[in-house]
Amino acid sequence: MDGMILINLKFTVQPERADEWMDAVAKYTADVRSEPGNLFFEWYRPVEGGPNEYFLLEGFTDEGAQAHVASPHFQEGLDAMRPLLASTPQIISEQVGAEGFGPMGELQID
């Protein structure tokens, strides 16, 4: 593998639906995590920011990213998200040279 596709997404959910989000994306999350080219797929809520924000950190092999967006569960996941969203999700998607997480050089713990 020569690096990976690293994706960060920010989702703003309708405030009154924010507590429903993780249940709504549970099947999609399990399906994506079982994809052969998926390296990681992790949901987060920010410590700072709105209570109706969710962030998603994804990593895929090159081939895995292509297969991911072509999968039937990708569209099913979008369909599950759509009625809960307050706005269009924001994305950062980059090809990076790393193949996963590595140690932080500036903060080494022995």
Protein backbone atom coordinates (compact mmCIF):
# COMPACT_ATOMS: atom_id res chain seq x y z
CA MET A 1 0.00 0.00 0.00
CA ASP A 2 1.35 3.44 -0.92
CA GLY A 3 -0.37 5.69 1.56
CA MET A 4 -4.05 6.13 2.15
CA ILE A 5 -7.04 8.35 1.57
CA LEU A 6 -7.61 10.34 4.78
CA ILE A 7 -11.07 11.88 5.16
CA ASN A 8 -12.36 14.25 7.84
CA LEU A 9 -16.05 15.12 7.79
CA LYS A 10 -18.05 17.58 9.86
CA PHE A 11 -21.78 16.94 10.22
CA THR A 12 -24.18 19.50 11.70
CA VAL A 13 -27.32 17.73 12.82
CA GLN A 14 -30.66 19.38 13.53
CA PRO A 15 -30.44 20.25 17.24
CA GLU A 16 -33.62 18.38 18.14
CA ARG A 17 -32.31 15.24 16.35
CA ALA A 18 -28.70 15.24 17.60
CA ASP A 19 -29.24 12.42 20.09
CA GLU A 20 -30.61 10.20 17.30
CA TRP A 21 -27.50 10.47 15.13
CA MET A 22 -25.42 7.52 16.35
CA ASP A 23 -28.39 5.15 16.18
CA ALA A 24 -29.19 6.40 12.67
CA VAL A 25 -25.65 5.70 11.42
CA ALA A 26 -25.01 2.48 13.40
CA LYS A 27 -25.66 0.04 10.54
CA TYR A 28 -23.71 2.18 8.07
CA THR A 29 -20.79 2.40 10.51
CA ALA A 30 -20.69 -1.38 10.98
CA ASP A 31 -20.90 -1.96 7.22
CA VAL A 32 -18.05 0.45 6.46
CA ARG A 33 -15.83 -0.96 9.19
CA SER A 34 -16.20 -4.41 7.61
CA GLU A 35 -15.01 -3.22 4.17
CA PRO A 36 -11.65 -4.79 3.21
CA GLY A 37 -10.10 -1.42 2.27
CA ASN A 38 -11.22 0.43 5.39
CA LEU A 39 -8.38 1.25 7.76
CA PHE A 40 -10.42 3.15 10.36
CA PHE A 41 -13.83 4.80 10.68
CA GLU A 42 -14.34 6.74 13.92
CA TRP A 43 -17.07 9.14 15.05
CA TYR A 44 -16.32 12.01 17.46
CA ARG A 45 -18.20 14.83 19.14
CA PRO A 46 -16.09 17.94 19.70
CA VAL A 47 -15.22 19.07 23.20
CA GLU A 48 -15.57 22.61 21.88
CA GLY A 49 -18.34 23.37 19.44
CA GLY A 50 -22.01 22.75 19.15
CA PRO A 51 -23.79 19.86 20.83
CA ASN A 52 -25.27 18.96 17.44
CA GLU A 53 -21.91 18.52 15.66
CA TYR A 54 -20.33 15.17 14.83
CA PHE A 55 -16.96 14.56 13.21
CA LEU A 56 -15.94 11.47 11.29
CA LEU A 57 -12.34 10.39 10.70
CA GLU A 58 -11.94 7.81 7.93
CA GLY A 59 -8.96 6.06 6.38
CA PHE A 60 -9.05 3.90 3.25
CA THR A 61 -6.64 2.26 0.88
CA ASP A 62 -6.87 3.77 -2.61
CA GLU A 63 -8.87 0.81 -3.87
CA GLY A 64 -10.91 0.75 -0.68
CA ALA A 65 -12.04 4.36 -1.10
CA GLN A 66 -13.32 3.64 -4.61
CA ALA A 67 -15.13 0.50 -3.49
CA HIS A 68 -16.58 2.37 -0.50
CA VAL A 69 -18.40 5.03 -2.52
CA ALA A 70 -19.59 2.40 -5.02
CA SER A 71 -21.09 0.16 -2.33
CA PRO A 72 -24.86 -0.09 -1.83
CA HIS A 73 -24.50 0.68 1.88
CA PHE A 74 -22.81 4.01 1.04
CA GLN A 75 -26.02 5.32 -0.52
CA GLU A 76 -28.09 3.72 2.25
CA GLY A 77 -25.94 5.53 4.80
CA LEU A 78 -26.42 8.88 3.07
CA ASP A 79 -30.16 8.24 2.97
CA ALA A 80 -30.17 7.52 6.72
CA MET A 81 -28.24 10.74 7.45
CA ARG A 82 -30.11 13.14 5.18
CA PRO A 83 -33.31 13.69 7.24
CA LEU A 84 -31.31 14.45 10.40
CA LEU A 85 -28.90 17.00 8.93
CA ALA A 86 -29.21 20.76 9.38
CA SER A 87 -26.74 21.55 6.56
CA THR A 88 -24.49 19.97 3.95
CA PRO A 89 -21.57 18.12 5.58
CA GLN A 90 -18.11 19.65 5.17
CA ILE A 91 -15.21 17.46 4.01
CA ILE A 92 -11.44 17.35 3.84
CA SER A 93 -10.24 14.44 1.70
CA GLU A 94 -6.54 13.97 0.95
CA GLN A 95 -4.15 11.34 -0.31
CA VAL A 96 -1.42 11.02 2.32
CA GLY A 97 1.84 9.10 2.36
CA ALA A 98 1.20 7.42 5.70
CA GLU A 99 -0.42 4.00 5.94
CA GLY A 100 -1.95 4.65 9.35
CA PHE A 101 -1.15 6.36 12.61
CA GLY A 102 2.44 6.70 13.77
CA PRO A 103 4.16 8.13 16.84
CA MET A 104 4.18 11.90 17.35
CA GLY A 105 7.77 13.08 17.05
CA GLU A 106 7.34 16.17 19.22
CA LEU A 107 5.81 14.33 22.19
CA GLN A 108 7.61 11.08 22.89
CA ILE A 109 6.70 9.04 25.97
CA ASP A 110 9.23 6.36 26.90
